[in-house]
Amino acid sequence: NKSPTSGIANVNVYPSGGKSRAIEKGPGFFGKRILQAFSDYPIEDEGRIRNLRIREHFLTRVFMLADFRQVESGGTMSALVKFHSENKLLLMAYSQAGLATLGRIVANAPHYPPHTIIPEYRRALLKATRLPPRYTSHINVLLHSFGYISDHLSSEEKRFFLEQVEAYRSGRLPLPAVRIIIQTWLLIYPVAYLKNQTWFAPYPDGLVSLPAEELQRGREMYEQS
């Protein structure tokens, strides 16, 4: 972070090698080249990923691309279709327009060979996931998922879930707290479309990191003297 070599932002830029004030801020020498060469790829530093939203966006894209490398290694349309199917909700959260574009590529109406389609899909995937999802997009995915399972639920369960969605909308509840409700229902009602969706766990649980205050951890505030 802020390294004159590998920093990707907020690095002091000086007009000369002598003593002088910084005239602007920007990336370091190596960091700048990385940003230019891989502009659509997930690139962060240890300073920025302290922000929870940036961290989640970074890890989600890293593991999505790791999964996509398996598609590229296999080089088959069936592997691409499986990847697209399992990432539909996640792609919906990122960009509905991007999801539609990726869907058309997978449909492959002109019947191009996989070695042509897969690189095209990668380029569109990077573009579609460049910016983190908005909270309103996650609400759309929550309600979309709810539609697949609501027929199994009682009126009380439906009302409870919608109340939690509104709590998330108003900033009184984090997304995982609402998402886990659907995951719990899927243990009872295993809806095929939903059960393998990466949106429910876009990266390994071991990398989940929440602020101590959100977990009710940390220094005891009311210690006895």
C-alpha atoms as a PDB file:
ATOM      1  CA  ASN A   1       0.000   0.000   0.000  1.00  0.00           C
ATOM      2  CA  LYS A   2       1.393   3.397  -1.116  1.00  0.00           C
ATOM      3  CA  SER A   3       4.694   1.769  -2.159  1.00  0.00           C
ATOM      4  CA  PRO A   4       6.567   3.786  -4.832  1.00  0.00           C
ATOM      5  CA  THR A   5       7.085   0.459  -6.605  1.00  0.00           C
ATOM      6  CA  SER A   6       4.006  -1.714  -6.200  1.00  0.00           C
ATOM      7  CA  GLY A   7       1.380   0.689  -4.859  1.00  0.00           C
ATOM      8  CA  ILE A   8      -1.716   0.981  -7.027  1.00  0.00           C
ATOM      9  CA  ALA A   9      -2.993   4.326  -5.701  1.00  0.00           C
ATOM     10  CA  ASN A  10      -2.203   7.238  -3.373  1.00  0.00           C
ATOM     11  CA  VAL A  11       1.554   7.055  -3.985  1.00  0.00           C
ATOM     12  CA  ASN A  12       3.286  10.437  -3.685  1.00  0.00           C
ATOM     13  CA  VAL A  13       4.701  11.633  -7.027  1.00  0.00           C
ATOM     14  CA  TYR A  14       7.618  14.105  -6.897  1.00  0.00           C
ATOM     15  CA  PRO A  15       8.896  16.373  -9.707  1.00  0.00           C
ATOM     16  CA  SER A  16      12.532  15.300  -9.222  1.00  0.00           C
ATOM     17  CA  GLY A  17      14.886  13.152  -7.198  1.00  0.00           C
ATOM     18  CA  GLY A  18      15.849  16.029  -4.929  1.00  0.00           C
ATOM     19  CA  LYS A  19      14.025  17.407  -1.928  1.00  0.00           C
ATOM     20  CA  SER A  20      10.627  18.708  -2.960  1.00  0.00           C
ATOM     21  CA  ARG A  21       6.949  18.442  -2.198  1.00  0.00           C
ATOM     22  CA  ALA A  22       4.781  15.822  -3.840  1.00  0.00           C
ATOM     23  CA  ILE A  23       2.936  17.282  -6.818  1.00  0.00           C
ATOM     24  CA  GLU A  24       0.293  14.580  -7.164  1.00  0.00           C
ATOM     25  CA  LYS A  25      -0.696  11.064  -6.145  1.00  0.00           C
ATOM     26  CA  GLY A  26      -0.939   7.982  -8.318  1.00  0.00           C
ATOM     27  CA  PRO A  27       0.245   4.369  -8.683  1.00  0.00           C
ATOM     28  CA  GLY A  28       3.857   3.201  -8.200  1.00  0.00           C
ATOM     29  CA  PHE A  29       6.127   2.264 -11.088  1.00  0.00           C
ATOM     30  CA  PHE A  30       5.330  -1.468 -11.099  1.00  0.00           C
ATOM     31  CA  GLY A  31       1.742  -0.973  -9.891  1.00  0.00           C
ATOM     32  CA  LYS A  32       1.041   1.360 -12.808  1.00  0.00           C
ATOM     33  CA  ARG A  33       2.234  -1.217 -15.334  1.00  0.00           C
ATOM     34  CA  ILE A  34       0.067  -3.888 -13.711  1.00  0.00           C
ATOM     35  CA  LEU A  35      -2.992  -1.649 -13.865  1.00  0.00           C
ATOM     36  CA  GLN A  36      -2.308  -0.904 -17.541  1.00  0.00           C
ATOM     37  CA  ALA A  37      -1.689  -4.530 -18.530  1.00  0.00           C
ATOM     38  CA  PHE A  38      -4.548  -6.087 -16.526  1.00  0.00           C
ATOM     39  CA  SER A  39      -7.071  -3.281 -16.267  1.00  0.00           C
ATOM     40  CA  ASP A  40     -10.111  -5.564 -16.004  1.00  0.00           C
ATOM     41  CA  TYR A  41      -8.639  -7.967 -13.440  1.00  0.00           C
ATOM     42  CA  PRO A  42      -9.090  -7.881  -9.632  1.00  0.00           C
ATOM     43  CA  ILE A  43      -6.187  -5.792  -8.312  1.00  0.00           C
ATOM     44  CA  GLU A  44      -6.061  -4.487  -4.745  1.00  0.00           C
ATOM     45  CA  ASP A  45      -3.551  -3.800  -1.981  1.00  0.00           C
ATOM     46  CA  GLU A  46      -3.552  -4.587   1.734  1.00  0.00           C
ATOM     47  CA  GLY A  47      -4.730  -1.086   2.537  1.00  0.00           C
ATOM     48  CA  ARG A  48      -7.828  -1.087   0.369  1.00  0.00           C
ATOM     49  CA  ILE A  49      -9.002  -4.585   1.316  1.00  0.00           C
ATOM     50  CA  ARG A  50      -9.494  -3.450   4.897  1.00  0.00           C
ATOM     51  CA  ASN A  51     -12.744  -2.099   3.489  1.00  0.00           C
ATOM     52  CA  LEU A  52     -15.227  -4.987   3.746  1.00  0.00           C
ATOM     53  CA  ARG A  53     -17.012  -4.244   0.475  1.00  0.00           C
ATOM     54  CA  ILE A  54     -13.738  -3.982  -1.481  1.00  0.00           C
ATOM     55  CA  ARG A  55     -12.466  -7.188   0.142  1.00  0.00           C
ATOM     56  CA  GLU A  56     -15.621  -9.136  -0.767  1.00  0.00           C
ATOM     57  CA  HIS A  57     -15.549  -7.840  -4.346  1.00  0.00           C
ATOM     58  CA  PHE A  58     -11.861  -8.749  -4.704  1.00  0.00           C
ATOM     59  CA  LEU A  59     -12.197 -12.263  -3.258  1.00  0.00           C
ATOM     60  CA  THR A  60     -15.372 -12.969  -5.218  1.00  0.00           C
ATOM     61  CA  ARG A  61     -13.684 -12.127  -8.522  1.00  0.00           C
ATOM     62  CA  VAL A  62     -10.492 -14.018  -7.666  1.00  0.00           C
ATOM     63  CA  PHE A  63     -12.362 -17.242  -6.955  1.00  0.00           C
ATOM     64  CA  MET A  64     -14.735 -16.758  -9.884  1.00  0.00           C
ATOM     65  CA  LEU A  65     -11.770 -16.484 -12.234  1.00  0.00           C
ATOM     66  CA  ALA A  66     -10.101 -19.491 -10.595  1.00  0.00           C
ATOM     67  CA  ASP A  67     -13.249 -21.512 -11.380  1.00  0.00           C
ATOM     68  CA  PHE A  68     -13.260 -20.165 -14.914  1.00  0.00           C
ATOM     69  CA  ARG A  69      -9.710 -21.389 -15.464  1.00  0.00           C
ATOM     70  CA  GLN A  70     -11.110 -24.891 -15.022  1.00  0.00           C
ATOM     71  CA  VAL A  71     -13.504 -24.162 -17.882  1.00  0.00           C
ATOM     72  CA  GLU A  72     -10.586 -22.995 -20.014  1.00  0.00           C
ATOM     73  CA  SER A  73      -8.581 -26.106 -19.138  1.00  0.00           C
ATOM     74  CA  GLY A  74     -11.465 -28.360 -20.140  1.00  0.00           C
ATOM     75  CA  GLY A  75     -12.245 -26.345 -23.236  1.00  0.00           C
ATOM     76  CA  THR A  76     -15.778 -27.687 -23.688  1.00  0.00           C
ATOM     77  CA  MET A  77     -19.129 -26.011 -24.117  1.00  0.00           C
ATOM     78  CA  SER A  78     -20.635 -28.230 -21.422  1.00  0.00           C
ATOM     79  CA  ALA A  79     -18.105 -26.885 -18.889  1.00  0.00           C
ATOM     80  CA  LEU A  80     -18.924 -23.318 -19.921  1.00  0.00           C
ATOM     81  CA  VAL A  81     -22.672 -23.935 -19.635  1.00  0.00           C
ATOM     82  CA  LYS A  82     -22.179 -25.431 -16.144  1.00  0.00           C
ATOM     83  CA  PHE A  83     -20.091 -22.436 -15.026  1.00  0.00           C
ATOM     84  CA  HIS A  84     -22.659 -19.977 -16.341  1.00  0.00           C
ATOM     85  CA  SER A  85     -25.547 -21.855 -14.737  1.00  0.00           C
ATOM     86  CA  GLU A  86     -23.897 -21.976 -11.309  1.00  0.00           C
ATOM     87  CA  ASN A  87     -22.982 -18.278 -11.414  1.00  0.00           C
ATOM     88  CA  LYS A  88     -26.289 -16.872 -12.659  1.00  0.00           C
ATOM     89  CA  LEU A  89     -27.333 -15.316  -9.353  1.00  0.00           C
ATOM     90  CA  LEU A  90     -23.874 -13.870  -8.756  1.00  0.00           C
ATOM     91  CA  LEU A  91     -23.795 -12.393 -12.263  1.00  0.00           C
ATOM     92  CA  MET A  92     -27.319 -11.046 -11.747  1.00  0.00           C
ATOM     93  CA  ALA A  93     -26.065  -9.224  -8.656  1.00  0.00           C
ATOM     94  CA  TYR A  94     -23.172  -7.705 -10.582  1.00  0.00           C
ATOM     95  CA  SER A  95     -24.963  -6.697 -13.777  1.00  0.00           C
ATOM     96  CA  GLN A  96     -28.226  -7.803 -15.341  1.00  0.00           C
ATOM     97  CA  ALA A  97     -27.061  -6.412 -18.681  1.00  0.00           C
ATOM     98  CA  GLY A  98     -23.798  -8.324 -18.299  1.00  0.00           C
ATOM     99  CA  LEU A  99     -25.709 -11.497 -17.440  1.00  0.00           C
ATOM    100  CA  ALA A 100     -27.797 -11.108 -20.590  1.00  0.00           C
ATOM    101  CA  THR A 101     -24.669 -10.648 -22.718  1.00  0.00           C
ATOM    102  CA  LEU A 102     -23.004 -13.695 -21.191  1.00  0.00           C
ATOM    103  CA  GLY A 103     -26.191 -15.693 -21.710  1.00  0.00           C
ATOM    104  CA  ARG A 104     -26.169 -14.877 -25.422  1.00  0.00           C
ATOM    105  CA  ILE A 105     -22.529 -15.950 -25.667  1.00  0.00           C
ATOM    106  CA  VAL A 106     -23.287 -19.284 -23.988  1.00  0.00           C
ATOM    107  CA  ALA A 107     -26.343 -19.837 -26.211  1.00  0.00           C
ATOM    108  CA  ASN A 108     -23.903 -19.687 -29.131  1.00  0.00           C
ATOM    109  CA  ALA A 109     -26.529 -19.285 -31.849  1.00  0.00           C
ATOM    110  CA  PRO A 110     -23.885 -19.122 -34.633  1.00  0.00           C
ATOM    111  CA  HIS A 111     -22.423 -22.452 -33.335  1.00  0.00           C
ATOM    112  CA  TYR A 112     -18.868 -21.190 -33.008  1.00  0.00           C
ATOM    113  CA  PRO A 113     -16.306 -23.695 -31.642  1.00  0.00           C
ATOM    114  CA  PRO A 114     -15.485 -23.587 -27.906  1.00  0.00           C
ATOM    115  CA  HIS A 115     -11.984 -22.176 -28.472  1.00  0.00           C
ATOM    116  CA  THR A 116     -13.679 -19.076 -29.919  1.00  0.00           C
ATOM    117  CA  ILE A 117     -16.565 -18.807 -27.447  1.00  0.00           C
ATOM    118  CA  ILE A 118     -14.636 -19.298 -24.180  1.00  0.00           C
ATOM    119  CA  PRO A 119     -12.210 -16.346 -24.653  1.00  0.00           C
ATOM    120  CA  GLU A 120     -15.164 -14.156 -25.662  1.00  0.00           C
ATOM    121  CA  TYR A 121     -16.982 -15.200 -22.493  1.00  0.00           C
ATOM    122  CA  ARG A 122     -13.910 -14.369 -20.363  1.00  0.00           C
ATOM    123  CA  ARG A 123     -13.716 -10.840 -21.773  1.00  0.00           C
ATOM    124  CA  ALA A 124     -17.420 -10.258 -21.135  1.00  0.00           C
ATOM    125  CA  LEU A 125     -17.150 -11.798 -17.645  1.00  0.00           C
ATOM    126  CA  LEU A 126     -14.348  -9.426 -16.632  1.00  0.00           C
ATOM    127  CA  LYS A 127     -16.301  -6.451 -17.942  1.00  0.00           C
ATOM    128  CA  ALA A 128     -19.556  -7.489 -16.236  1.00  0.00           C
ATOM    129  CA  THR A 129     -17.913  -7.926 -12.820  1.00  0.00           C
ATOM    130  CA  ARG A 130     -15.554  -4.933 -12.873  1.00  0.00           C
ATOM    131  CA  LEU A 131     -17.625  -2.903 -10.380  1.00  0.00           C
ATOM    132  CA  PRO A 132     -19.000  -4.301  -7.091  1.00  0.00           C
ATOM    133  CA  PRO A 133     -22.728  -5.065  -6.877  1.00  0.00           C
ATOM    134  CA  ARG A 134     -25.084  -2.444  -5.468  1.00  0.00           C
ATOM    135  CA  TYR A 135     -27.125  -3.404  -2.423  1.00  0.00           C
ATOM    136  CA  THR A 136     -30.285  -2.966  -4.498  1.00  0.00           C
ATOM    137  CA  SER A 137     -28.987  -5.629  -6.902  1.00  0.00           C
ATOM    138  CA  HIS A 138     -28.532  -8.042  -3.989  1.00  0.00           C
ATOM    139  CA  ILE A 139     -32.127  -7.318  -2.971  1.00  0.00           C
ATOM    140  CA  ASN A 140     -33.213  -8.237  -6.491  1.00  0.00           C
ATOM    141  CA  VAL A 141     -31.342 -11.556  -6.181  1.00  0.00           C
ATOM    142  CA  LEU A 142     -32.854 -12.224  -2.754  1.00  0.00           C
ATOM    143  CA  LEU A 143     -36.375 -11.736  -4.100  1.00  0.00           C
ATOM    144  CA  HIS A 144     -35.588 -13.711  -7.262  1.00  0.00           C
ATOM    145  CA  SER A 145     -34.348 -16.636  -5.127  1.00  0.00           C
ATOM    146  CA  PHE A 146     -37.312 -16.317  -2.795  1.00  0.00           C
ATOM    147  CA  GLY A 147     -39.624 -16.774  -5.770  1.00  0.00           C
ATOM    148  CA  TYR A 148     -38.217 -20.265  -6.367  1.00  0.00           C
ATOM    149  CA  ILE A 149     -38.910 -21.423  -2.833  1.00  0.00           C
ATOM    150  CA  SER A 150     -41.921 -19.396  -1.647  1.00  0.00           C
ATOM    151  CA  ASP A 151     -44.477 -22.054  -2.647  1.00  0.00           C
ATOM    152  CA  HIS A 152     -43.047 -24.285   0.084  1.00  0.00           C
ATOM    153  CA  LEU A 153     -43.365 -21.650   2.802  1.00  0.00           C
ATOM    154  CA  SER A 154     -46.094 -20.613   5.196  1.00  0.00           C
ATOM    155  CA  SER A 155     -47.485 -17.085   5.193  1.00  0.00           C
ATOM    156  CA  GLU A 156     -45.608 -16.401   8.453  1.00  0.00           C
ATOM    157  CA  GLU A 157     -42.307 -17.535   6.925  1.00  0.00           C
ATOM    158  CA  LYS A 158     -42.881 -15.396   3.854  1.00  0.00           C
ATOM    159  CA  ARG A 159     -43.689 -12.358   5.964  1.00  0.00           C
ATOM    160  CA  PHE A 160     -40.631 -12.905   8.168  1.00  0.00           C
ATOM    161  CA  PHE A 161     -38.316 -13.156   5.161  1.00  0.00           C
ATOM    162  CA  LEU A 162     -39.677 -10.029   3.503  1.00  0.00           C
ATOM    163  CA  GLU A 163     -39.274  -8.141   6.777  1.00  0.00           C
ATOM    164  CA  GLN A 164     -35.598  -9.172   6.876  1.00  0.00           C
ATOM    165  CA  VAL A 165     -35.137  -8.020   3.285  1.00  0.00           C
ATOM    166  CA  GLU A 166     -36.517  -4.627   4.282  1.00  0.00           C
ATOM    167  CA  ALA A 167     -34.155  -4.566   7.259  1.00  0.00           C
ATOM    168  CA  TYR A 168     -31.261  -5.123   4.846  1.00  0.00           C
ATOM    169  CA  ARG A 169     -32.616  -2.423   2.532  1.00  0.00           C
ATOM    170  CA  SER A 170     -32.688   0.086   5.380  1.00  0.00           C
ATOM    171  CA  GLY A 171     -29.207  -0.834   6.612  1.00  0.00           C
ATOM    172  CA  ARG A 172     -30.276  -2.578   9.811  1.00  0.00           C
ATOM    173  CA  LEU A 173     -29.117  -6.082   8.766  1.00  0.00           C
ATOM    174  CA  PRO A 174     -26.134  -7.359   6.731  1.00  0.00           C
ATOM    175  CA  LEU A 175     -26.647  -9.364   3.550  1.00  0.00           C
ATOM    176  CA  PRO A 176     -25.329 -12.710   4.910  1.00  0.00           C
ATOM    177  CA  ALA A 177     -27.963 -12.644   7.668  1.00  0.00           C
ATOM    178  CA  VAL A 178     -30.733 -12.579   5.041  1.00  0.00           C
ATOM    179  CA  ARG A 179     -29.010 -14.893   2.596  1.00  0.00           C
ATOM    180  CA  ILE A 180     -28.607 -17.615   5.216  1.00  0.00           C
ATOM    181  CA  ILE A 181     -32.380 -17.776   5.653  1.00  0.00           C
ATOM    182  CA  ILE A 182     -32.708 -19.019   2.071  1.00  0.00           C
ATOM    183  CA  GLN A 183     -29.759 -21.382   2.566  1.00  0.00           C
ATOM    184  CA  THR A 184     -31.514 -22.880   5.584  1.00  0.00           C
ATOM    185  CA  TRP A 185     -34.705 -23.430   3.604  1.00  0.00           C
ATOM    186  CA  LEU A 186     -32.686 -25.109   0.852  1.00  0.00           C
ATOM    187  CA  LEU A 187     -31.673 -27.801   3.355  1.00  0.00           C
ATOM    188  CA  ILE A 188     -35.354 -28.683   3.611  1.00  0.00           C
ATOM    189  CA  TYR A 189     -36.488 -27.851   0.071  1.00  0.00           C
ATOM    190  CA  PRO A 190     -33.502 -28.531  -2.244  1.00  0.00           C
ATOM    191  CA  VAL A 191     -34.494 -26.438  -5.276  1.00  0.00           C
ATOM    192  CA  ALA A 192     -32.155 -27.602  -8.038  1.00  0.00           C
ATOM    193  CA  TYR A 193     -31.697 -24.137  -9.575  1.00  0.00           C
ATOM    194  CA  LEU A 194     -30.590 -22.596  -6.281  1.00  0.00           C
ATOM    195  CA  LYS A 195     -28.598 -25.231  -4.440  1.00  0.00           C
ATOM    196  CA  ASN A 196     -25.342 -24.878  -6.431  1.00  0.00           C
ATOM    197  CA  GLN A 197     -25.399 -21.102  -6.920  1.00  0.00           C
ATOM    198  CA  THR A 198     -22.056 -19.464  -6.085  1.00  0.00           C
ATOM    199  CA  TRP A 199     -23.825 -16.290  -4.890  1.00  0.00           C
ATOM    200  CA  PHE A 200     -24.535 -18.041  -1.578  1.00  0.00           C
ATOM    201  CA  ALA A 201     -20.796 -18.649  -0.966  1.00  0.00           C
ATOM    202  CA  PRO A 202     -18.668 -16.826  -3.561  1.00  0.00           C
ATOM    203  CA  TYR A 203     -15.411 -17.627  -1.727  1.00  0.00           C
ATOM    204  CA  PRO A 204     -14.348 -20.016   1.085  1.00  0.00           C
ATOM    205  CA  ASP A 205     -15.744 -19.418   4.566  1.00  0.00           C
ATOM    206  CA  GLY A 206     -12.216 -19.372   5.962  1.00  0.00           C
ATOM    207  CA  LEU A 207     -11.641 -16.019   4.240  1.00  0.00           C
ATOM    208  CA  VAL A 208     -14.716 -14.359   5.739  1.00  0.00           C
ATOM    209  CA  SER A 209     -13.682 -11.471   7.981  1.00  0.00           C
ATOM    210  CA  LEU A 210     -16.117  -9.245   9.866  1.00  0.00           C
ATOM    211  CA  PRO A 211     -15.466  -6.315  12.205  1.00  0.00           C
ATOM    212  CA  ALA A 212     -15.164  -7.336  15.864  1.00  0.00           C
ATOM    213  CA  GLU A 213     -18.003  -5.016  16.875  1.00  0.00           C
ATOM    214  CA  GLU A 214     -20.323  -6.711  14.388  1.00  0.00           C
ATOM    215  CA  LEU A 215     -19.478 -10.077  15.950  1.00  0.00           C
ATOM    216  CA  GLN A 216     -19.812  -8.680  19.479  1.00  0.00           C
ATOM    217  CA  ARG A 217     -16.163  -9.488  20.124  1.00  0.00           C
ATOM    218  CA  GLY A 218     -13.212  -7.456  21.312  1.00  0.00           C
ATOM    219  CA  ARG A 219     -12.281  -5.662  24.515  1.00  0.00           C
ATOM    220  CA  GLU A 220     -14.681  -5.983  27.423  1.00  0.00           C
ATOM    221  CA  MET A 221     -16.360  -2.595  27.744  1.00  0.00           C
ATOM    222  CA  TYR A 222     -17.674  -3.028  31.292  1.00  0.00           C
ATOM    223  CA  GLU A 223     -14.824  -4.624  33.197  1.00  0.00           C
ATOM    224  CA  GLN A 224     -15.177  -4.816  36.960  1.00  0.00           C
ATOM    225  CA  SER A 225     -12.548  -2.892  38.883  1.00  0.00           C
END
